[in-house]
């Protein structure tokens, strides 16, 4: 599936988004050996990053990162305006399967960066660590920053990630007091509270929204596809080797037999031989 879809309760002035990833998420955590607790936190952060990127009105990307003060040094997720994602968690200690967010990150802060490539500008803001989960922190952040009552449900396991966001908008112009369903927000929120982790991570938008709101009038918009994109970018690595300098590069090559570059974000090793170094520096000397 790997899609995010907007929906609208027009009669209730409630808008929402539903996200579900399976194999895209599995690619992102493949061979990482994360614990279930770390998968949950990184998955929730990934879902939130995608939701924020889905609202970008310009070319660019959203980066959400947490510099941890506990056994997790860093959580970082990027999502472009085209919903191409990548992310990683870095740890400095053995984690237990039952670790809480506070135990994983200590007093680490959540920083969100929104990048506009048209204007080459950045907007950054810190997200208060309210509550005990990523979900609670961003629910409070959205309510405050967008000045709209917001409810957020996020879930993640090794199979997939899912999320539902609903927001109460101001009454549509022209609506009278009699037109407003005073119980609408509470009703939709209560129905969504019944979601289970399994439903969030496995159900597509049509199935999930019908299961929850089959008695409501709901408008579904065209889904946007999410992709995992973490290219090896050999040109960037070659630039890094050039910046090291030919003498140091050849010294390292002589000591180790090869130069191994590890990309933590994309989880791959690139091995450079003497032939690679000759090509990078445009010589066959030595």
Protein backbone atom coordinates (compact mmCIF):
# COMPACT_ATOMS: atom_id res chain seq x y z
CA UNK A 1 0.00 0.00 0.00
CA UNK A 2 2.51 2.66 1.16
CA UNK A 3 0.16 5.61 0.79
CA UNK A 4 -1.11 8.65 2.64
CA UNK A 5 -4.61 9.92 1.96
CA UNK A 6 -6.52 13.01 3.03
CA UNK A 7 -10.18 12.84 4.01
CA UNK A 8 -12.86 15.30 5.01
CA UNK A 9 -16.06 15.27 7.04
CA UNK A 10 -17.50 18.26 5.23
CA UNK A 11 -20.67 18.45 7.32
CA UNK A 12 -18.59 18.44 10.51
CA UNK A 13 -15.71 20.67 9.34
CA UNK A 14 -13.21 17.97 10.32
CA UNK A 15 -10.24 17.16 8.12
CA UNK A 16 -7.86 14.25 8.41
CA UNK A 17 -5.02 12.17 7.03
CA UNK A 18 -4.48 8.42 7.04
CA UNK A 19 -1.08 6.84 6.46
CA UNK A 20 -0.10 3.19 6.07
CA UNK A 21 3.28 1.77 5.03
CA UNK A 22 4.39 -1.85 4.81
CA UNK A 23 7.28 -2.85 2.52
CA UNK A 24 8.60 0.74 2.31
CA UNK A 25 8.93 0.72 6.09
CA UNK A 26 10.44 -2.76 6.05
CA UNK A 27 13.13 -1.54 3.62
CA UNK A 28 13.97 1.34 5.94
CA UNK A 29 14.63 -0.91 8.94
CA UNK A 30 16.03 -3.90 7.03
CA UNK A 31 19.16 -5.40 8.65
CA UNK A 32 19.14 -2.70 11.34
CA UNK A 33 18.45 -5.10 14.23
CA UNK A 34 16.36 -2.56 16.12
CA UNK A 35 14.47 -3.63 19.25
CA UNK A 36 10.64 -3.48 19.20
CA UNK A 37 10.72 -0.40 21.44
CA UNK A 38 13.09 1.42 19.09
CA UNK A 39 11.06 0.36 16.04
CA UNK A 40 7.96 1.82 17.67
CA UNK A 41 9.55 5.20 18.36
CA UNK A 42 11.28 5.48 14.97
CA UNK A 43 8.11 4.34 13.21
CA UNK A 44 5.96 6.95 14.95
CA UNK A 45 8.52 9.61 14.09
CA UNK A 46 8.53 8.44 10.46
CA UNK A 47 4.74 8.58 10.23
CA UNK A 48 4.70 12.09 11.66
CA UNK A 49 7.43 13.27 9.28
CA UNK A 50 5.48 11.98 6.28
CA UNK A 51 2.29 13.69 7.47
CA UNK A 52 4.13 17.00 7.79
CA UNK A 53 5.78 16.59 4.36
CA UNK A 54 2.40 15.80 2.83
CA UNK A 55 1.39 19.36 3.66
CA UNK A 56 4.36 21.06 1.97
CA UNK A 57 3.30 23.58 -0.66
CA UNK A 58 6.79 24.01 -2.10
CA UNK A 59 9.73 21.82 -3.15
CA UNK A 60 11.75 20.83 -0.13
CA UNK A 61 11.70 18.41 2.75
CA UNK A 62 10.84 17.92 6.39
CA UNK A 63 13.44 16.59 8.83
CA UNK A 64 12.48 15.54 12.34
CA UNK A 65 15.27 14.55 14.66
CA UNK A 66 15.79 13.79 18.32
CA UNK A 67 19.26 14.17 19.82
CA UNK A 68 19.04 11.63 22.62
CA UNK A 69 20.55 11.89 26.09
CA UNK A 70 19.99 8.20 26.82
CA UNK A 71 20.99 4.92 25.14
CA UNK A 72 19.68 6.32 21.83
CA UNK A 73 22.01 9.05 20.51
CA UNK A 74 19.97 10.09 17.51
CA UNK A 75 16.70 9.51 15.72
CA UNK A 76 16.36 11.28 12.39
CA UNK A 77 13.81 10.96 9.58
CA UNK A 78 13.64 12.90 6.31
CA UNK A 79 10.68 13.14 3.93
CA UNK A 80 10.72 15.19 0.72
CA UNK A 81 7.76 16.99 -0.84
CA UNK A 82 7.56 13.98 -3.17
CA UNK A 83 7.27 11.75 -0.08
CA UNK A 84 10.59 10.02 -0.53
CA UNK A 85 11.78 8.99 2.91
CA UNK A 86 14.84 7.78 4.76
CA UNK A 87 15.80 7.57 8.41
CA UNK A 88 17.99 6.01 11.06
CA UNK A 89 18.36 5.44 14.78
CA UNK A 90 21.80 5.44 16.41
CA UNK A 91 22.37 3.78 19.77
CA UNK A 92 25.25 3.70 22.22
CA UNK A 93 24.02 0.97 24.57
CA UNK A 94 22.10 -2.29 24.64
CA UNK A 95 18.35 -1.64 24.63
CA UNK A 96 15.62 -3.67 26.26
CA UNK A 97 12.41 -4.55 24.46
CA UNK A 98 10.33 -2.65 27.00
CA UNK A 99 12.19 0.67 27.04
CA UNK A 100 9.97 3.77 27.26
CA UNK A 101 10.55 6.96 25.28
CA UNK A 102 12.13 8.65 28.31
CA UNK A 103 14.36 5.64 28.96
CA UNK A 104 15.49 5.59 25.33
CA UNK A 105 16.13 9.30 24.89
CA UNK A 106 16.56 10.83 28.32
CA UNK A 107 16.00 14.59 28.04
CA UNK A 108 16.58 14.63 24.28
CA UNK A 109 14.81 17.40 22.37
CA UNK A 110 12.69 17.03 19.24
CA UNK A 111 13.71 19.39 16.43
CA UNK A 112 11.68 19.82 13.25
CA UNK A 113 13.21 21.44 10.17
CA UNK A 114 11.21 22.48 7.10
CA UNK A 115 13.39 23.19 4.08
CA UNK A 116 12.27 25.25 1.08
CA UNK A 117 14.57 24.54 -1.87
CA UNK A 118 12.95 27.28 -3.97
CA UNK A 119 14.07 30.01 -1.59
CA UNK A 120 16.97 28.08 -0.05
CA UNK A 121 15.50 28.77 3.38
CA UNK A 122 14.93 26.78 6.57
CA UNK A 123 12.29 26.97 9.26
CA UNK A 124 13.09 25.22 12.52
CA UNK A 125 11.07 24.67 15.66
CA UNK A 126 11.39 22.58 18.79
CA UNK A 127 8.59 20.22 19.72
CA UNK A 128 7.96 20.05 23.46
CA UNK A 129 8.24 16.55 24.91
CA UNK A 130 4.72 16.55 26.29
CA UNK A 131 3.40 13.16 27.39
CA UNK A 132 5.30 9.89 27.27
CA UNK A 133 5.15 9.14 23.51
CA UNK A 134 5.98 10.72 20.16
CA UNK A 135 2.24 10.72 19.44
CA UNK A 136 1.38 12.78 22.52
CA UNK A 137 4.18 15.26 21.85
CA UNK A 138 3.09 15.96 18.27
CA UNK A 139 -0.61 16.02 19.09
CA UNK A 140 0.08 18.88 21.50
CA UNK A 141 2.42 20.56 18.98
CA UNK A 142 -0.15 20.48 16.16
CA UNK A 143 -2.92 21.79 18.40
CA UNK A 144 -0.74 24.70 19.49
CA UNK A 145 1.07 25.54 16.24
CA UNK A 146 -1.92 25.29 13.90
CA UNK A 147 -4.43 26.63 16.43
CA UNK A 148 -6.77 23.73 15.63
CA UNK A 149 -7.95 20.99 17.99
CA UNK A 150 -5.97 17.94 16.83
CA UNK A 151 -6.04 14.23 17.62
CA UNK A 152 -3.29 11.87 16.52
CA UNK A 153 -2.93 8.09 16.51
CA UNK A 154 0.39 6.52 15.47
CA UNK A 155 1.58 2.92 15.60
CA UNK A 156 4.54 0.90 14.36
CA UNK A 157 5.96 -2.59 14.45
CA UNK A 158 8.34 -4.59 12.25
CA UNK A 159 5.58 -5.18 9.67
CA UNK A 160 4.44 -1.62 9.07
CA UNK A 161 3.53 1.81 10.38
CA UNK A 162 0.23 3.64 10.40
CA UNK A 163 -1.28 6.89 11.51
CA UNK A 164 -4.50 8.87 11.64
CA UNK A 165 -4.70 12.62 12.21
CA UNK A 166 -7.95 14.53 12.60
CA UNK A 167 -8.33 18.28 13.06
CA UNK A 168 -11.36 20.41 13.85
CA UNK A 169 -11.55 23.37 11.47
CA UNK A 170 -13.56 26.55 12.06
CA UNK A 171 -17.20 26.39 10.88
CA UNK A 172 -17.62 26.85 7.14
CA UNK A 173 -18.79 30.27 6.04
CA UNK A 174 -22.53 30.56 5.85
CA UNK A 175 -23.23 27.96 8.52
CA UNK A 176 -25.76 28.90 11.15
CA UNK A 177 -25.83 27.69 14.75
CA UNK A 178 -28.43 25.12 13.76
CA UNK A 179 -26.17 23.74 11.00
CA UNK A 180 -23.33 22.89 13.40
CA UNK A 181 -23.21 19.37 14.80
CA UNK A 182 -22.08 20.10 18.34
CA UNK A 183 -21.25 16.46 19.02
CA UNK A 184 -19.36 15.86 15.77
CA UNK A 185 -15.81 16.30 17.07
CA UNK A 186 -16.38 14.16 20.16
CA UNK A 187 -18.11 11.47 18.10
CA UNK A 188 -15.34 11.21 15.49
CA UNK A 189 -12.65 11.27 18.20
CA UNK A 190 -14.37 8.53 20.19
CA UNK A 191 -14.74 6.32 17.14
CA UNK A 192 -11.08 6.75 16.23
CA UNK A 193 -10.01 5.88 19.79
CA UNK A 194 -11.17 2.31 19.11
CA UNK A 195 -8.31 1.75 16.64
CA UNK A 196 -5.86 -1.02 17.48
CA UNK A 197 -2.18 -1.14 16.59
CA UNK A 198 -2.84 -4.02 14.20
CA UNK A 199 -5.53 -2.03 12.37
CA UNK A 200 -3.30 1.03 12.09
CA UNK A 201 -0.30 -0.81 10.66
CA UNK A 202 -2.15 -3.16 8.31
CA UNK A 203 -5.37 -1.62 6.94
CA UNK A 204 -5.63 0.52 3.80
CA UNK A 205 -7.47 3.84 3.95
CA UNK A 206 -10.77 2.69 2.45
CA UNK A 207 -11.05 -0.31 4.76
CA UNK A 208 -10.01 1.52 7.92
CA UNK A 209 -12.12 4.62 7.36
CA UNK A 210 -15.18 2.58 6.39
CA UNK A 211 -14.77 0.41 9.47
CA UNK A 212 -14.62 3.47 11.70
CA UNK A 213 -17.01 5.90 10.02
CA UNK A 214 -19.48 3.90 7.92
CA UNK A 215 -22.36 5.92 9.40
CA UNK A 216 -20.72 9.28 8.60
CA UNK A 217 -20.53 11.24 5.35
CA UNK A 218 -16.85 11.27 4.43
CA UNK A 219 -15.00 12.49 1.35
CA UNK A 220 -11.78 10.70 0.35
CA UNK A 221 -9.09 12.39 -1.72
CA UNK A 222 -6.55 10.87 -4.08
CA UNK A 223 -3.78 9.00 -2.23
CA UNK A 224 -0.14 10.00 -2.44
CA UNK A 225 2.49 7.25 -2.69
CA UNK A 226 5.40 7.07 -0.24
CA UNK A 227 8.76 5.67 -1.37
CA UNK A 228 11.96 4.71 0.42
CA UNK A 229 14.87 6.49 -1.28
CA UNK A 230 18.37 6.34 0.13
CA UNK A 231 20.81 6.33 -2.81
CA UNK A 232 24.44 5.38 -2.28
CA UNK A 233 25.56 8.65 -3.93
CA UNK A 234 29.10 7.59 -4.97
CA UNK A 235 29.89 11.10 -6.26
CA UNK A 236 29.51 12.52 -2.75
CA UNK A 237 31.76 9.80 -1.35
CA UNK A 238 34.38 10.53 -4.02
CA UNK A 239 34.26 14.22 -3.06
CA UNK A 240 34.87 13.21 0.55
CA UNK A 241 37.90 11.13 -0.50
CA UNK A 242 39.26 14.05 -2.56
CA UNK A 243 38.89 16.35 0.44
CA UNK A 244 40.95 13.84 2.44
CA UNK A 245 43.81 14.40 0.00
CA UNK A 246 45.67 11.94 -2.19
CA UNK A 247 48.55 11.37 0.22
CA UNK A 248 46.32 10.54 3.18
CA UNK A 249 43.98 8.45 1.03
CA UNK A 250 46.87 6.36 -0.29
CA UNK A 251 48.34 6.01 3.21
CA UNK A 252 45.00 4.72 4.48
CA UNK A 253 44.77 2.37 1.52
CA UNK A 254 48.25 1.02 2.21
CA UNK A 255 47.48 0.45 5.90
CA UNK A 256 44.11 -1.24 5.41
CA UNK A 257 44.23 -2.68 1.90
CA UNK A 258 41.00 -0.85 1.05
CA UNK A 259 39.02 2.17 2.20
CA UNK A 260 35.62 1.32 3.63
CA UNK A 261 33.00 4.06 3.87
CA UNK A 262 29.92 3.31 5.98
CA UNK A 263 26.74 5.28 5.36
CA UNK A 264 24.72 5.01 8.57
CA UNK A 265 21.64 6.74 7.18
CA UNK A 266 21.31 4.29 4.29
CA UNK A 267 22.97 1.34 6.05
CA UNK A 268 25.49 0.33 3.41
CA UNK A 269 29.27 -0.07 3.05
CA UNK A 270 31.19 1.17 0.02
CA UNK A 271 34.61 -0.41 -0.45
CA UNK A 272 37.24 1.51 -2.42
CA UNK A 273 40.26 -0.29 -3.91
CA UNK A 274 43.52 1.01 -5.37
CA UNK A 275 41.84 1.21 -8.79
CA UNK A 276 39.12 3.43 -7.31
CA UNK A 277 41.67 5.75 -5.69
CA UNK A 278 43.64 5.95 -8.96
CA UNK A 279 40.46 6.93 -10.79
CA UNK A 280 39.37 9.48 -8.17
CA UNK A 281 42.71 11.29 -8.27
CA UNK A 282 43.14 10.81 -12.02
CA UNK A 283 46.43 9.00 -11.80
CA UNK A 284 47.91 5.53 -11.97
CA UNK A 285 50.91 6.44 -9.90
CA UNK A 286 52.12 4.38 -6.98
